């Protein structure tokens, strides 16, 4: 089918064959379409990656919250104003 979108080729190695065969068990309506099975696997892979991304983001936000304001006493009062005096306008 003509398209201007990038295309990707995947060689059905023994490992990929095994994954597709397993996918066919989960999505029997698409068992005769390796392409549709690949799309299912991509969707599931994206879901897993997105869950990991969201968990990492939550950990980073929690770390920021834990440390927020924890270093207020490191610099003296007026430190930034004094520093900025040397900056060009």
Protein backbone atom coordinates (compact mmCIF):
# COMPACT_ATOMS: atom_id res chain seq x y z
CA UNK A 1 0.00 0.00 0.00
CA UNK A 2 1.49 3.38 -0.98
CA UNK A 3 2.43 5.68 1.89
CA UNK A 4 4.68 8.61 2.64
CA UNK A 5 5.24 7.27 6.16
CA UNK A 6 8.46 5.42 7.07
CA UNK A 7 8.28 1.64 6.87
CA UNK A 8 10.13 -0.84 9.05
CA UNK A 9 11.19 -4.37 8.24
CA UNK A 10 11.48 -7.07 10.88
CA UNK A 11 13.09 -10.41 10.15
CA UNK A 12 11.19 -13.30 11.70
CA UNK A 13 14.07 -14.81 13.63
CA UNK A 14 13.33 -17.85 15.80
CA UNK A 15 12.86 -15.52 18.79
CA UNK A 16 10.46 -13.23 16.89
CA UNK A 17 8.63 -16.29 15.57
CA UNK A 18 8.14 -17.51 19.15
CA UNK A 19 6.82 -14.10 20.24
CA UNK A 20 4.39 -13.99 17.33
CA UNK A 21 3.20 -17.52 18.05
CA UNK A 22 2.57 -16.53 21.67
CA UNK A 23 0.79 -13.38 20.53
CA UNK A 24 -1.45 -15.52 18.32
CA UNK A 25 -2.59 -17.33 21.46
CA UNK A 26 -3.56 -14.02 23.08
CA UNK A 27 -5.20 -12.56 19.97
CA UNK A 28 -6.65 -15.56 18.12
CA UNK A 29 -8.76 -13.37 15.81
CA UNK A 30 -5.50 -12.06 14.33
CA UNK A 31 -3.56 -15.35 14.34
CA UNK A 32 -3.40 -15.38 10.53
CA UNK A 33 -1.95 -11.88 10.28
CA UNK A 34 1.62 -11.59 11.52
CA UNK A 35 1.46 -7.84 10.85
CA UNK A 36 -1.53 -7.38 13.17
CA UNK A 37 0.18 -9.49 15.81
CA UNK A 38 3.24 -7.26 15.55
CA UNK A 39 1.03 -4.22 16.12
CA UNK A 40 -0.45 -5.87 19.22
CA UNK A 41 3.05 -6.55 20.51
CA UNK A 42 4.09 -2.96 19.81
CA UNK A 43 1.05 -1.66 21.69
CA UNK A 44 1.80 -3.89 24.66
CA UNK A 45 5.47 -2.93 24.54
CA UNK A 46 4.55 0.74 24.50
CA UNK A 47 2.23 0.22 27.46
CA UNK A 48 5.06 -1.40 29.43
CA UNK A 49 7.57 1.30 28.50
CA UNK A 50 5.07 4.03 29.33
CA UNK A 51 4.42 2.47 32.74
CA UNK A 52 8.16 2.42 33.42
CA UNK A 53 8.47 6.02 32.24
CA UNK A 54 5.62 7.17 34.47
CA UNK A 55 7.09 5.32 37.47
CA UNK A 56 10.51 6.92 36.88
CA UNK A 57 8.88 10.33 36.54
CA UNK A 58 6.99 9.80 39.81
CA UNK A 59 10.26 8.83 41.55
CA UNK A 60 11.99 11.95 40.24
CA UNK A 61 9.11 14.16 41.34
CA UNK A 62 9.10 12.54 44.78
CA UNK A 63 12.85 13.16 45.09
CA UNK A 64 12.34 16.81 44.16
CA UNK A 65 9.55 17.13 46.73
CA UNK A 66 11.71 15.47 49.41
CA UNK A 67 14.62 17.83 48.82
CA UNK A 68 12.62 20.97 48.04
CA UNK A 69 13.56 23.70 50.49
CA UNK A 70 16.06 21.46 52.20
CA UNK A 71 19.02 23.64 51.29
CA UNK A 72 17.67 27.06 52.13
CA UNK A 73 20.38 27.66 54.74
CA UNK A 74 23.34 27.02 52.40
CA UNK A 75 23.45 30.52 50.94
CA UNK A 76 23.18 33.73 52.96
CA UNK A 77 20.25 36.13 52.68
CA UNK A 78 20.52 38.26 49.53
CA UNK A 79 23.00 35.91 47.84
CA UNK A 80 21.22 35.91 44.46
CA UNK A 81 20.79 39.67 44.38
CA UNK A 82 24.49 40.10 45.13
CA UNK A 83 25.45 37.57 42.44
CA UNK A 84 23.22 39.22 39.84
CA UNK A 85 24.87 42.61 40.33
CA UNK A 86 27.80 41.32 38.27
CA UNK A 87 25.63 40.12 35.39
CA UNK A 88 25.36 42.26 32.27
CA UNK A 89 21.91 43.66 31.56
